[in-house]
């Protein structure tokens, strides 16, 4: 990766605590009340430790209705963050955004994990849109997750 570039490397849903993409992350038995949204962000060597500001915006869309679903969005979105440790960690010659360990879920290099609690009676087909924009607009990236079902 170019030293001054960053990108969204992946966006997908997984069963709570998992890292493998799952297009029905709450299917059971028993039916789960939560799932994880995994976002993978990468930055070049210079940008990844620069301290520069960026905004990460996550939106959930109900594909059946075309409407945004605020209850499936991670609390705090849009996130105003900086390219700096401990969130950004070296990975080879580049940097990756990594979540801190949370309870029984260990920290995994390059995995930014959001645990999503499913609002009552929320079922259907959904997807996530993610925007990654640096201050000054040198980095602008957009990604969408694959569709997934909540049952």
N, C-alpha and C. Protein backbone atom coordinates (compact mmCIF):
# COMPACT_ATOMS: atom_id res chain seq x y z
N UNK A 1 0.84 -1.17 0.00
CA UNK A 1 0.00 0.00 0.00
C UNK A 1 0.89 1.25 0.00
N UNK A 2 0.45 2.28 -0.69
CA UNK A 2 1.17 3.55 -0.69
C UNK A 2 1.22 4.09 0.74
N UNK A 3 2.32 4.67 1.14
CA UNK A 3 2.54 5.11 2.51
C UNK A 3 1.51 6.13 2.99
N UNK A 4 0.89 6.89 2.06
CA UNK A 4 -0.07 7.92 2.43
C UNK A 4 -1.51 7.56 2.09
N UNK A 5 -1.79 6.29 1.82
CA UNK A 5 -3.12 5.84 1.46
C UNK A 5 -3.76 5.04 2.60
N UNK A 6 -5.08 4.93 2.54
CA UNK A 6 -5.83 4.07 3.45
C UNK A 6 -7.03 3.54 2.68
N UNK A 7 -7.59 2.43 3.19
CA UNK A 7 -8.73 1.84 2.49
C UNK A 7 -9.56 0.99 3.45
N UNK A 8 -10.78 0.69 3.00
CA UNK A 8 -11.63 -0.28 3.67
C UNK A 8 -11.34 -1.62 3.00
N UNK A 9 -10.76 -2.55 3.75
CA UNK A 9 -10.38 -3.84 3.18
C UNK A 9 -11.51 -4.86 3.27
N UNK A 10 -12.47 -4.66 4.18
CA UNK A 10 -13.57 -5.60 4.32
C UNK A 10 -14.65 -5.08 5.24
N UNK A 11 -15.88 -5.50 4.96
CA UNK A 11 -17.05 -5.21 5.81
C UNK A 11 -17.94 -6.43 5.72
N UNK A 12 -18.21 -7.05 6.88
CA UNK A 12 -19.08 -8.22 6.85
C UNK A 12 -19.67 -8.49 8.23
N UNK A 13 -20.70 -9.34 8.26
CA UNK A 13 -21.32 -9.75 9.51
C UNK A 13 -20.80 -11.13 9.91
N UNK A 14 -20.77 -11.36 11.22
CA UNK A 14 -20.32 -12.64 11.77
C UNK A 14 -21.16 -12.95 13.00
N UNK A 15 -21.23 -14.22 13.36
CA UNK A 15 -21.87 -14.59 14.62
C UNK A 15 -21.11 -13.89 15.74
N UNK A 16 -21.77 -13.58 16.84
CA UNK A 16 -21.14 -12.88 17.95
C UNK A 16 -19.87 -13.60 18.38
N UNK A 17 -18.75 -12.86 18.42
CA UNK A 17 -17.46 -13.42 18.82
C UNK A 17 -16.71 -14.10 17.69
N UNK A 18 -17.33 -14.24 16.52
CA UNK A 18 -16.70 -14.92 15.39
C UNK A 18 -15.93 -13.98 14.49
N UNK A 19 -15.20 -14.55 13.55
CA UNK A 19 -14.48 -13.74 12.56
C UNK A 19 -14.78 -14.18 11.13
N UNK A 20 -15.54 -15.25 10.97
CA UNK A 20 -15.90 -15.76 9.65
C UNK A 20 -17.19 -15.10 9.19
N UNK A 21 -17.21 -14.65 7.93
CA UNK A 21 -18.42 -14.02 7.39
C UNK A 21 -19.59 -15.00 7.49
N UNK A 22 -20.73 -14.47 7.93
CA UNK A 22 -21.94 -15.27 8.09
C UNK A 22 -23.12 -14.44 7.59
N UNK A 23 -23.80 -14.91 6.54
CA UNK A 23 -24.90 -14.13 5.99
C UNK A 23 -26.23 -14.36 6.72
N UNK A 24 -26.21 -15.14 7.78
CA UNK A 24 -27.36 -15.27 8.70
C UNK A 24 -26.80 -15.34 10.12
N UNK A 25 -26.23 -14.21 10.60
CA UNK A 25 -25.43 -14.22 11.82
C UNK A 25 -26.18 -14.49 13.12
N UNK A 26 -27.51 -14.46 13.10
CA UNK A 26 -28.23 -14.74 14.35
C UNK A 26 -29.05 -16.02 14.28
N UNK A 27 -28.88 -16.81 13.20
CA UNK A 27 -29.63 -18.07 13.07
C UNK A 27 -29.18 -19.04 14.15
N UNK A 28 -30.07 -19.91 14.56
CA UNK A 28 -29.78 -20.83 15.65
C UNK A 28 -29.79 -22.26 15.20
N UNK A 29 -30.22 -23.15 16.03
CA UNK A 29 -30.82 -22.84 17.32
C UNK A 29 -29.77 -22.64 18.41
N UNK A 30 -30.06 -21.88 19.43
CA UNK A 30 -31.18 -20.95 19.53
C UNK A 30 -30.88 -19.67 18.75
N UNK A 31 -31.92 -18.94 18.41
CA UNK A 31 -31.77 -17.67 17.69
C UNK A 31 -31.04 -16.68 18.59
N UNK A 32 -29.98 -16.07 18.06
CA UNK A 32 -29.17 -15.14 18.86
C UNK A 32 -29.78 -13.73 18.81
N UNK A 33 -29.57 -12.99 19.87
CA UNK A 33 -30.07 -11.62 19.95
C UNK A 33 -29.03 -10.59 19.54
N UNK A 34 -27.80 -11.07 19.22
CA UNK A 34 -26.73 -10.17 18.80
C UNK A 34 -25.94 -10.81 17.66
N UNK A 35 -25.16 -10.00 16.99
CA UNK A 35 -24.17 -10.45 16.01
C UNK A 35 -23.07 -9.41 15.97
N UNK A 36 -22.00 -9.69 15.26
CA UNK A 36 -20.89 -8.75 15.13
C UNK A 36 -20.79 -8.21 13.72
N UNK A 37 -20.53 -6.92 13.63
CA UNK A 37 -20.16 -6.29 12.37
C UNK A 37 -18.65 -6.15 12.39
N UNK A 38 -17.99 -6.70 11.38
CA UNK A 38 -16.54 -6.64 11.28
C UNK A 38 -16.17 -5.64 10.18
N UNK A 39 -15.31 -4.69 10.50
CA UNK A 39 -14.80 -3.72 9.54
C UNK A 39 -13.28 -3.84 9.56
N UNK A 40 -12.69 -3.91 8.37
CA UNK A 40 -11.23 -4.00 8.26
C UNK A 40 -10.72 -2.76 7.53
N UNK A 41 -9.92 -1.97 8.25
CA UNK A 41 -9.33 -0.75 7.71
C UNK A 41 -7.82 -0.90 7.66
N UNK A 42 -7.21 -0.44 6.57
CA UNK A 42 -5.77 -0.50 6.42
C UNK A 42 -5.25 0.88 6.03
N UNK A 43 -4.03 1.19 6.48
CA UNK A 43 -3.38 2.46 6.14
C UNK A 43 -1.91 2.22 5.89
N UNK A 44 -1.36 3.03 5.01
CA UNK A 44 0.07 2.95 4.73
C UNK A 44 0.91 3.39 5.92
N UNK A 45 2.19 3.12 5.84
CA UNK A 45 3.14 3.34 6.93
C UNK A 45 3.13 4.77 7.46
N UNK A 46 3.10 5.76 6.59
CA UNK A 46 3.15 7.16 7.04
C UNK A 46 1.80 7.58 7.63
N UNK A 47 0.72 7.33 6.92
CA UNK A 47 -0.60 7.75 7.38
C UNK A 47 -1.03 7.01 8.64
N UNK A 48 -0.74 5.72 8.73
CA UNK A 48 -1.20 4.88 9.83
C UNK A 48 -0.71 5.30 11.20
N UNK A 49 0.32 6.10 11.27
CA UNK A 49 0.84 6.56 12.55
C UNK A 49 0.94 8.09 12.62
N UNK A 50 0.20 8.76 11.72
CA UNK A 50 0.32 10.21 11.56
C UNK A 50 -0.45 11.02 12.60
N UNK A 51 -1.47 10.44 13.21
CA UNK A 51 -2.31 11.20 14.13
C UNK A 51 -3.37 12.02 13.41
N UNK A 52 -3.45 11.92 12.08
CA UNK A 52 -4.44 12.67 11.30
C UNK A 52 -5.85 12.22 11.65
N UNK A 53 -6.78 13.13 11.53
CA UNK A 53 -8.18 12.85 11.83
C UNK A 53 -8.89 12.20 10.65
N UNK A 54 -9.89 11.37 10.96
CA UNK A 54 -10.77 10.81 9.93
C UNK A 54 -12.12 10.53 10.56
N UNK A 55 -13.12 10.33 9.70
CA UNK A 55 -14.46 9.98 10.15
C UNK A 55 -14.86 8.65 9.52
N UNK A 56 -15.38 7.77 10.34
CA UNK A 56 -15.89 6.48 9.89
C UNK A 56 -17.39 6.48 10.15
N UNK A 57 -18.18 6.36 9.08
CA UNK A 57 -19.64 6.41 9.17
C UNK A 57 -20.20 5.06 8.75
N UNK A 58 -21.04 4.48 9.59
CA UNK A 58 -21.64 3.17 9.32
C UNK A 58 -23.16 3.33 9.30
N UNK A 59 -23.78 2.82 8.24
CA UNK A 59 -25.23 2.88 8.07
C UNK A 59 -25.75 1.48 7.79
N UNK A 60 -26.87 1.11 8.40
CA UNK A 60 -27.53 -0.16 8.13
C UNK A 60 -28.75 0.11 7.26
N UNK A 61 -28.94 -0.71 6.24
CA UNK A 61 -30.06 -0.56 5.31
C UNK A 61 -30.89 -1.84 5.28
N UNK A 62 -32.21 -1.68 5.38
CA UNK A 62 -33.13 -2.80 5.23
C UNK A 62 -33.38 -2.95 3.73
N UNK A 63 -32.89 -4.03 3.12
CA UNK A 63 -33.04 -4.23 1.68
C UNK A 63 -34.48 -4.49 1.28
N UNK A 64 -35.32 -4.95 2.20
CA UNK A 64 -36.72 -5.22 1.89
C UNK A 64 -37.53 -3.94 1.75
N UNK A 65 -37.15 -2.90 2.51
CA UNK A 65 -37.90 -1.65 2.49
C UNK A 65 -37.11 -0.48 1.90
N UNK A 66 -35.80 -0.61 1.84
CA UNK A 66 -34.95 0.48 1.36
C UNK A 66 -34.68 1.54 2.41
N UNK A 67 -35.13 1.32 3.63
CA UNK A 67 -34.99 2.30 4.70
C UNK A 67 -33.77 2.03 5.56
N UNK A 68 -33.20 3.12 6.09
CA UNK A 68 -32.11 2.99 7.06
C UNK A 68 -32.68 2.44 8.36
N UNK A 69 -31.85 1.67 9.09
CA UNK A 69 -32.28 1.05 10.35
C UNK A 69 -31.32 1.50 11.44
N UNK A 70 -31.70 2.54 12.15
CA UNK A 70 -30.83 3.12 13.18
C UNK A 70 -30.49 2.11 14.27
N UNK A 71 -31.39 1.19 14.59
CA UNK A 71 -31.16 0.21 15.65
C UNK A 71 -30.06 -0.79 15.36
N UNK A 72 -29.62 -0.89 14.10
CA UNK A 72 -28.54 -1.81 13.74
C UNK A 72 -27.20 -1.11 13.53
N UNK A 73 -27.17 0.19 13.78
CA UNK A 73 -25.94 0.98 13.61
C UNK A 73 -25.16 0.97 14.92
N UNK A 74 -23.84 0.76 14.86
CA UNK A 74 -23.05 0.81 16.09
C UNK A 74 -23.21 2.15 16.81
N UNK A 75 -23.38 2.11 18.11
CA UNK A 75 -23.52 3.34 18.90
C UNK A 75 -22.30 4.23 18.68
N UNK A 76 -22.55 5.49 18.41
CA UNK A 76 -21.47 6.44 18.21
C UNK A 76 -21.19 6.79 16.76
N UNK A 77 -21.76 6.05 15.81
CA UNK A 77 -21.52 6.36 14.40
C UNK A 77 -22.25 7.65 14.05
N UNK A 78 -21.57 8.60 13.39
CA UNK A 78 -20.22 8.52 12.82
C UNK A 78 -19.15 8.71 13.89
N UNK A 79 -18.04 7.98 13.70
CA UNK A 79 -16.92 7.99 14.63
C UNK A 79 -15.85 8.97 14.16
N UNK A 80 -15.46 9.90 15.00
CA UNK A 80 -14.35 10.81 14.71
C UNK A 80 -13.13 10.26 15.40
N UNK A 81 -12.15 9.82 14.61
CA UNK A 81 -10.98 9.12 15.16
C UNK A 81 -9.69 9.68 14.56
N UNK A 82 -8.57 9.14 15.03
CA UNK A 82 -7.25 9.53 14.54
C UNK A 82 -6.45 8.29 14.17
N UNK A 83 -5.56 8.47 13.21
CA UNK A 83 -4.61 7.41 12.83
C UNK A 83 -3.49 7.41 13.88
N UNK A 84 -3.69 6.67 14.98
CA UNK A 84 -2.67 6.61 16.03
C UNK A 84 -2.90 5.38 16.90
N UNK A 85 -1.84 4.99 17.60
CA UNK A 85 -1.91 3.88 18.55
C UNK A 85 -2.78 4.31 19.72
N UNK A 86 -3.45 3.41 20.42
CA UNK A 86 -3.38 1.96 20.26
C UNK A 86 -4.35 1.40 19.22
N UNK A 87 -5.24 2.26 18.67
CA UNK A 87 -6.23 1.76 17.71
C UNK A 87 -5.59 1.27 16.42
N UNK A 88 -4.62 2.01 15.92
CA UNK A 88 -3.91 1.62 14.69
C UNK A 88 -2.62 0.93 15.09
N UNK A 89 -2.44 -0.30 14.62
CA UNK A 89 -1.29 -1.11 14.98
C UNK A 89 -0.53 -1.56 13.74
N UNK A 90 0.79 -1.69 13.85
CA UNK A 90 1.58 -2.14 12.69
C UNK A 90 1.23 -3.56 12.29
N UNK A 91 1.20 -3.77 10.97
CA UNK A 91 0.98 -5.10 10.40
C UNK A 91 1.85 -5.17 9.14
N UNK A 92 2.99 -5.81 9.26
CA UNK A 92 3.95 -5.78 8.16
C UNK A 92 4.40 -4.34 7.96
N UNK A 93 4.48 -3.88 6.72
CA UNK A 93 4.93 -2.50 6.48
C UNK A 93 3.82 -1.47 6.66
N UNK A 94 2.59 -1.89 6.91
CA UNK A 94 1.45 -0.99 6.99
C UNK A 94 0.84 -0.98 8.39
N UNK A 95 -0.33 -0.36 8.52
CA UNK A 95 -1.05 -0.30 9.78
C UNK A 95 -2.49 -0.78 9.55
N UNK A 96 -3.08 -1.36 10.61
CA UNK A 96 -4.47 -1.81 10.57
C UNK A 96 -5.20 -1.31 11.81
N UNK A 97 -6.48 -1.05 11.65
CA UNK A 97 -7.32 -0.62 12.78
C UNK A 97 -7.77 -1.87 13.52
N UNK A 98 -7.59 -1.88 14.84
CA UNK A 98 -7.86 -3.05 15.66
C UNK A 98 -8.68 -2.64 16.87
N UNK A 99 -9.70 -3.44 17.20
CA UNK A 99 -10.50 -3.18 18.41
C UNK A 99 -9.75 -3.65 19.64
N UNK A 100 -9.98 -3.00 20.77
CA UNK A 100 -9.42 -3.53 22.02
C UNK A 100 -10.15 -4.82 22.40
N UNK A 101 -9.53 -5.64 23.22
CA UNK A 101 -10.18 -6.85 23.73
C UNK A 101 -11.43 -6.44 24.51
N UNK A 102 -12.48 -7.24 24.37
CA UNK A 102 -13.73 -6.93 25.08
C UNK A 102 -14.26 -8.18 25.73
N UNK A 103 -14.17 -8.26 27.04
CA UNK A 103 -14.68 -9.42 27.77
C UNK A 103 -14.00 -10.70 27.30
N UNK A 104 -14.81 -11.66 26.88
CA UNK A 104 -14.29 -12.96 26.45
C UNK A 104 -13.78 -12.94 25.01
N UNK A 105 -14.01 -11.84 24.28
CA UNK A 105 -13.58 -11.76 22.89
C UNK A 105 -12.19 -11.13 22.84
N UNK A 106 -11.18 -11.89 22.41
CA UNK A 106 -9.81 -11.35 22.39
C UNK A 106 -9.61 -10.36 21.25
N UNK A 107 -8.58 -9.56 21.40
CA UNK A 107 -8.19 -8.64 20.34
C UNK A 107 -7.57 -9.43 19.19
N UNK A 108 -7.97 -9.12 17.96
CA UNK A 108 -7.39 -9.77 16.78
C UNK A 108 -6.88 -8.67 15.87
N UNK A 109 -5.61 -8.71 15.54
CA UNK A 109 -4.98 -7.69 14.71
C UNK A 109 -5.75 -7.52 13.40
N UNK A 110 -6.16 -6.29 13.11
CA UNK A 110 -6.84 -5.98 11.86
C UNK A 110 -8.34 -6.17 11.88
N UNK A 111 -8.90 -6.52 13.03
CA UNK A 111 -10.35 -6.71 13.14
C UNK A 111 -10.93 -5.59 14.02
N UNK A 112 -11.80 -4.78 13.43
CA UNK A 112 -12.55 -3.76 14.16
C UNK A 112 -13.95 -4.32 14.32
N UNK A 113 -14.30 -4.66 15.55
CA UNK A 113 -15.53 -5.42 15.83
C UNK A 113 -16.55 -4.52 16.54
N UNK A 114 -17.78 -4.55 16.02
CA UNK A 114 -18.91 -3.89 16.67
C UNK A 114 -19.95 -4.95 16.99
N UNK A 115 -20.30 -5.08 18.27
CA UNK A 115 -21.35 -6.02 18.64
C UNK A 115 -22.69 -5.31 18.49
N UNK A 116 -23.59 -5.89 17.71
CA UNK A 116 -24.88 -5.28 17.40
C UNK A 116 -25.98 -6.06 18.11
N UNK A 117 -26.78 -5.37 18.90
CA UNK A 117 -27.95 -5.97 19.53
C UNK A 117 -29.12 -5.77 18.57
N UNK A 118 -29.80 -6.85 18.24
CA UNK A 118 -30.89 -6.80 17.27
C UNK A 118 -32.15 -6.28 17.95
N UNK A 119 -32.72 -5.18 17.44
CA UNK A 119 -33.97 -4.68 18.03
C UNK A 119 -35.09 -5.72 17.90
N UNK A 120 -36.00 -5.72 18.85
CA UNK A 120 -37.12 -6.66 18.85
C UNK A 120 -37.86 -6.61 17.52
N UNK A 121 -38.28 -7.78 17.04
CA UNK A 121 -39.09 -7.94 15.81
C UNK A 121 -38.36 -7.46 14.56
N UNK A 122 -37.03 -7.41 14.58
CA UNK A 122 -36.28 -7.00 13.39
C UNK A 122 -35.87 -8.25 12.62
N UNK A 123 -36.47 -8.43 11.46
CA UNK A 123 -36.14 -9.55 10.59
C UNK A 123 -36.09 -9.05 9.16
N UNK A 124 -35.46 -9.82 8.28
CA UNK A 124 -35.41 -9.47 6.87
C UNK A 124 -34.00 -9.47 6.34
N UNK A 125 -33.85 -8.88 5.15
CA UNK A 125 -32.53 -8.80 4.49
C UNK A 125 -31.98 -7.39 4.66
N UNK A 126 -30.70 -7.30 5.01
CA UNK A 126 -30.05 -6.03 5.31
C UNK A 126 -28.66 -5.99 4.67
N UNK A 127 -28.05 -4.81 4.68
CA UNK A 127 -26.62 -4.67 4.37
C UNK A 127 -26.11 -3.41 5.07
N UNK A 128 -24.79 -3.31 5.17
CA UNK A 128 -24.15 -2.14 5.77
C UNK A 128 -23.42 -1.35 4.70
N UNK A 129 -23.48 -0.01 4.80
CA UNK A 129 -22.64 0.89 4.02
C UNK A 129 -21.65 1.52 4.99
N UNK A 130 -20.39 1.62 4.56
CA UNK A 130 -19.34 2.21 5.40
C UNK A 130 -18.61 3.27 4.58
N UNK A 131 -18.45 4.45 5.20
CA UNK A 131 -17.68 5.54 4.58
C UNK A 131 -16.48 5.85 5.49
N UNK A 132 -15.34 6.05 4.86
CA UNK A 132 -14.07 6.29 5.54
C UNK A 132 -13.47 7.53 4.89
N UNK A 133 -13.48 8.68 5.60
CA UNK A 133 -13.06 9.95 4.99
C UNK A 133 -12.09 10.65 5.94
N UNK A 134 -10.89 10.96 5.44
CA UNK A 134 -9.91 11.66 6.27
C UNK A 134 -10.15 13.16 6.22
N UNK A 135 -9.66 13.85 7.25
CA UNK A 135 -9.71 15.30 7.26
C UNK A 135 -8.90 15.78 6.06
N UNK A 136 -9.41 16.73 5.34
CA UNK A 136 -8.72 17.20 4.14
C UNK A 136 -9.08 16.38 2.91
N UNK A 137 -9.80 15.28 3.10
CA UNK A 137 -10.32 14.45 2.01
C UNK A 137 -9.25 13.78 1.15
N UNK A 138 -8.05 13.56 1.71
CA UNK A 138 -7.02 12.83 0.97
C UNK A 138 -7.39 11.36 0.84
N UNK A 139 -8.10 10.83 1.84
CA UNK A 139 -8.56 9.44 1.81
C UNK A 139 -10.08 9.46 1.81
N UNK A 140 -10.65 8.87 0.78
CA UNK A 140 -12.10 8.75 0.69
C UNK A 140 -12.38 7.33 0.21
N UNK A 141 -13.08 6.54 1.03
CA UNK A 141 -13.38 5.16 0.66
C UNK A 141 -14.82 4.84 1.04
N UNK A 142 -15.44 4.00 0.23
CA UNK A 142 -16.81 3.57 0.45
C UNK A 142 -16.86 2.07 0.22
N UNK A 143 -17.57 1.36 1.10
CA UNK A 143 -17.73 -0.09 0.93
C UNK A 143 -19.11 -0.48 1.43
N UNK A 144 -19.60 -1.61 0.92
CA UNK A 144 -20.87 -2.18 1.36
C UNK A 144 -20.65 -3.63 1.71
N UNK A 145 -21.34 -4.08 2.73
CA UNK A 145 -21.26 -5.50 3.09
C UNK A 145 -22.11 -6.30 2.11
N UNK A 146 -21.89 -7.60 2.10
CA UNK A 146 -22.80 -8.48 1.39
C UNK A 146 -24.15 -8.45 2.11
N UNK A 147 -25.23 -8.76 1.40
CA UNK A 147 -26.52 -8.85 2.10
C UNK A 147 -26.49 -9.95 3.16
N UNK A 148 -27.26 -9.75 4.22
CA UNK A 148 -27.38 -10.77 5.26
C UNK A 148 -28.82 -10.81 5.76
N UNK A 149 -29.19 -11.96 6.33
CA UNK A 149 -30.55 -12.16 6.84
C UNK A 149 -30.54 -12.17 8.35
N UNK A 150 -31.52 -11.49 8.92
CA UNK A 150 -31.79 -11.61 10.35
C UNK A 150 -33.11 -12.35 10.47
N UNK A 151 -33.10 -13.41 11.26
CA UNK A 151 -34.28 -14.28 11.38
C UNK A 151 -34.90 -14.18 12.76
